[in-house]
Amino acid sequence: MLVYRCGIDLSSSTLRFLAGRLRSRHRRQGTRWRRLPPGRQALLVLAHLRMGDTYAQLAAGFGIGTATAYRYI
């Protein structure tokens, strides 16, 4: 079970898989630094998809701006 402000009923292998895909995408594109590392980005996306939290709730929970949460999702 992954823990973000509340429990998310997903395996940690799901989080690792998505984080790995994000890392490889960032390397391919040669993007610069991001506000959140790939693991936290993956958790943000999974929290949105699984829990249906709004962008404002996610932004507050992860300590980022609402626009950043929108871009990551």
N, C-alpha and C. Protein backbone atom coordinates (compact mmCIF):
# COMPACT_ATOMS: atom_id res chain seq x y z
N MET A 1 0.84 -1.17 0.00
CA MET A 1 0.00 0.00 0.00
C MET A 1 0.89 1.24 0.00
N LEU A 2 0.63 2.17 -0.90
CA LEU A 2 1.38 3.42 -0.97
C LEU A 2 0.73 4.43 -0.03
N VAL A 3 1.54 5.29 0.55
CA VAL A 3 1.00 6.26 1.49
C VAL A 3 1.22 7.66 0.96
N TYR A 4 0.15 8.34 0.79
CA TYR A 4 0.09 9.76 0.45
C TYR A 4 -1.01 10.25 1.35
N ARG A 5 -1.07 11.33 1.79
CA ARG A 5 -2.04 11.88 2.72
C ARG A 5 -3.06 10.85 3.22
N CYS A 6 -3.39 9.89 2.42
CA CYS A 6 -4.25 8.77 2.83
C CYS A 6 -3.70 7.53 2.12
N GLY A 7 -4.19 6.37 2.45
CA GLY A 7 -3.69 5.15 1.82
C GLY A 7 -4.22 4.97 0.41
N ILE A 8 -3.36 4.51 -0.48
CA ILE A 8 -3.75 4.22 -1.86
C ILE A 8 -3.54 2.73 -2.06
N ASP A 9 -4.56 2.04 -2.46
CA ASP A 9 -4.49 0.59 -2.59
C ASP A 9 -3.81 0.20 -3.91
N LEU A 10 -2.50 0.43 -3.97
CA LEU A 10 -1.69 0.04 -5.12
C LEU A 10 -0.37 -0.53 -4.61
N SER A 11 0.23 -1.39 -5.40
CA SER A 11 1.50 -1.98 -4.99
C SER A 11 2.66 -1.01 -5.24
N SER A 12 3.73 -1.22 -4.50
CA SER A 12 4.91 -0.39 -4.70
C SER A 12 5.58 -0.69 -6.04
N SER A 13 5.35 -1.88 -6.59
CA SER A 13 5.91 -2.19 -7.91
C SER A 13 5.26 -1.33 -8.99
N THR A 14 3.99 -0.97 -8.80
CA THR A 14 3.33 -0.06 -9.74
C THR A 14 4.00 1.30 -9.71
N LEU A 15 4.30 1.77 -8.51
CA LEU A 15 4.97 3.06 -8.36
C LEU A 15 6.36 3.01 -8.99
N ARG A 16 7.12 1.95 -8.72
CA ARG A 16 8.46 1.83 -9.29
C ARG A 16 8.41 1.75 -10.81
N PHE A 17 7.44 1.04 -11.37
CA PHE A 17 7.32 0.93 -12.82
C PHE A 17 7.08 2.30 -13.44
N LEU A 18 6.10 3.02 -12.91
CA LEU A 18 5.78 4.34 -13.46
C LEU A 18 6.94 5.31 -13.29
N ALA A 19 7.62 5.27 -12.14
CA ALA A 19 8.77 6.15 -11.90
C ALA A 19 9.89 5.84 -12.89
N GLY A 20 10.11 4.56 -13.17
CA GLY A 20 11.13 4.17 -14.16
C GLY A 20 10.80 4.68 -15.54
N ARG A 21 9.53 4.60 -15.92
CA ARG A 21 9.11 5.12 -17.22
C ARG A 21 9.31 6.64 -17.30
N LEU A 22 9.02 7.33 -16.22
CA LEU A 22 9.23 8.78 -16.19
C LEU A 22 10.72 9.12 -16.30
N ARG A 23 11.57 8.38 -15.56
CA ARG A 23 13.01 8.63 -15.63
C ARG A 23 13.53 8.46 -17.05
N SER A 24 13.13 7.38 -17.71
CA SER A 24 13.63 7.14 -19.08
C SER A 24 13.09 8.20 -20.04
N ARG A 25 11.87 8.64 -19.84
CA ARG A 25 11.31 9.70 -20.69
C ARG A 25 12.08 11.01 -20.51
N HIS A 26 12.40 11.33 -19.26
CA HIS A 26 13.15 12.56 -18.99
C HIS A 26 14.55 12.49 -19.62
N ARG A 27 15.19 11.32 -19.53
CA ARG A 27 16.51 11.16 -20.15
C ARG A 27 16.44 11.31 -21.67
N ARG A 28 15.45 10.67 -22.28
CA ARG A 28 15.30 10.75 -23.74
C ARG A 28 15.08 12.18 -24.20
N GLN A 29 14.25 12.91 -23.48
CA GLN A 29 13.93 14.28 -23.86
C GLN A 29 15.01 15.27 -23.43
N GLY A 30 15.87 14.84 -22.53
CA GLY A 30 16.92 15.75 -22.05
C GLY A 30 16.36 16.91 -21.27
N THR A 31 15.30 16.65 -20.50
CA THR A 31 14.67 17.74 -19.74
C THR A 31 15.53 18.15 -18.56
N ARG A 32 15.36 19.36 -18.14
CA ARG A 32 16.09 19.88 -17.00
C ARG A 32 15.45 19.38 -15.71
N TRP A 33 15.93 19.85 -14.59
CA TRP A 33 15.41 19.43 -13.29
C TRP A 33 13.91 19.67 -13.18
N ARG A 34 13.32 18.95 -12.29
CA ARG A 34 11.89 19.09 -12.02
C ARG A 34 11.68 19.38 -10.54
N ARG A 35 10.54 19.92 -10.23
CA ARG A 35 10.21 20.26 -8.84
C ARG A 35 10.14 19.00 -7.98
N LEU A 36 9.58 17.93 -8.54
CA LEU A 36 9.48 16.65 -7.83
C LEU A 36 10.30 15.60 -8.56
N PRO A 37 10.96 14.71 -7.83
CA PRO A 37 11.66 13.61 -8.49
C PRO A 37 10.66 12.63 -9.11
N PRO A 38 11.10 11.77 -10.03
CA PRO A 38 10.17 10.87 -10.73
C PRO A 38 9.30 10.02 -9.80
N GLY A 39 9.84 9.57 -8.67
CA GLY A 39 9.05 8.76 -7.75
C GLY A 39 7.87 9.52 -7.17
N ARG A 40 8.11 10.78 -6.82
CA ARG A 40 7.02 11.62 -6.28
C ARG A 40 6.04 12.02 -7.37
N GLN A 41 6.55 12.24 -8.59
CA GLN A 41 5.65 12.53 -9.72
C GLN A 41 4.72 11.36 -9.96
N ALA A 42 5.28 10.15 -9.92
CA ALA A 42 4.47 8.96 -10.14
C ALA A 42 3.40 8.84 -9.05
N LEU A 43 3.77 9.11 -7.80
CA LEU A 43 2.81 9.03 -6.71
C LEU A 43 1.71 10.07 -6.88
N LEU A 44 2.07 11.25 -7.35
CA LEU A 44 1.08 12.31 -7.59
C LEU A 44 0.07 11.86 -8.64
N VAL A 45 0.55 11.29 -9.73
CA VAL A 45 -0.34 10.84 -10.81
C VAL A 45 -1.23 9.70 -10.32
N LEU A 46 -0.64 8.74 -9.61
CA LEU A 46 -1.42 7.61 -9.11
C LEU A 46 -2.46 8.06 -8.09
N ALA A 47 -2.12 9.04 -7.26
CA ALA A 47 -3.08 9.58 -6.30
C ALA A 47 -4.24 10.24 -7.03
N HIS A 48 -3.96 10.95 -8.09
CA HIS A 48 -5.02 11.60 -8.85
C HIS A 48 -5.92 10.56 -9.53
N LEU A 49 -5.31 9.57 -10.15
CA LEU A 49 -6.10 8.57 -10.86
C LEU A 49 -6.90 7.69 -9.91
N ARG A 50 -6.31 7.32 -8.80
CA ARG A 50 -6.96 6.38 -7.88
C ARG A 50 -7.94 7.06 -6.94
N MET A 51 -7.55 8.22 -6.42
CA MET A 51 -8.37 8.88 -5.39
C MET A 51 -9.27 9.98 -5.96
N GLY A 52 -8.94 10.50 -7.14
CA GLY A 52 -9.75 11.55 -7.74
C GLY A 52 -9.58 12.90 -7.07
N ASP A 53 -8.44 13.11 -6.40
CA ASP A 53 -8.20 14.40 -5.75
C ASP A 53 -8.08 15.50 -6.80
N THR A 54 -8.48 16.69 -6.41
CA THR A 54 -8.38 17.83 -7.32
C THR A 54 -6.92 18.27 -7.41
N TYR A 55 -6.63 19.10 -8.40
CA TYR A 55 -5.27 19.62 -8.56
C TYR A 55 -4.85 20.43 -7.35
N ALA A 56 -5.77 21.20 -6.80
CA ALA A 56 -5.45 22.03 -5.63
C ALA A 56 -5.12 21.15 -4.42
N GLN A 57 -5.86 20.08 -4.22
CA GLN A 57 -5.59 19.16 -3.11
C GLN A 57 -4.24 18.47 -3.29
N LEU A 58 -3.97 18.03 -4.51
CA LEU A 58 -2.69 17.38 -4.79
C LEU A 58 -1.53 18.36 -4.59
N ALA A 59 -1.70 19.58 -5.06
CA ALA A 59 -0.65 20.58 -4.94
C ALA A 59 -0.34 20.84 -3.46
N ALA A 60 -1.37 20.96 -2.65
CA ALA A 60 -1.16 21.19 -1.23
C ALA A 60 -0.50 19.98 -0.57
N GLY A 61 -0.90 18.79 -0.95
CA GLY A 61 -0.35 17.58 -0.37
C GLY A 61 1.10 17.33 -0.72
N PHE A 62 1.51 17.77 -1.92
CA PHE A 62 2.88 17.55 -2.37
C PHE A 62 3.76 18.78 -2.26
N GLY A 63 3.20 19.89 -1.82
CA GLY A 63 3.99 21.10 -1.63
C GLY A 63 4.43 21.76 -2.92
N ILE A 64 3.58 21.71 -3.94
CA ILE A 64 3.88 22.33 -5.23
C ILE A 64 2.72 23.23 -5.61
N GLY A 65 2.88 23.97 -6.69
CA GLY A 65 1.81 24.84 -7.16
C GLY A 65 0.75 24.04 -7.92
N THR A 66 -0.43 24.61 -8.01
CA THR A 66 -1.52 23.96 -8.72
C THR A 66 -1.19 23.75 -10.19
N ALA A 67 -0.55 24.73 -10.81
CA ALA A 67 -0.17 24.60 -12.22
C ALA A 67 0.84 23.48 -12.42
N THR A 68 1.75 23.31 -11.47
CA THR A 68 2.73 22.23 -11.56
C THR A 68 2.04 20.87 -11.46
N ALA A 69 1.09 20.75 -10.55
CA ALA A 69 0.33 19.50 -10.42
C ALA A 69 -0.41 19.21 -11.71
N TYR A 70 -0.99 20.22 -12.32
CA TYR A 70 -1.70 20.05 -13.59
C TYR A 70 -0.76 19.55 -14.67
N ARG A 71 0.41 20.14 -14.78
CA ARG A 71 1.39 19.73 -15.81
C ARG A 71 1.87 18.31 -15.61
N TYR A 72 2.10 17.93 -14.36
CA TYR A 72 2.59 16.56 -14.11
C TYR A 72 1.54 15.51 -14.47
N ILE A 73 0.29 15.84 -14.24
CA ILE A 73 -0.77 14.87 -14.55
C ILE A 73 -1.07 14.91 -16.02
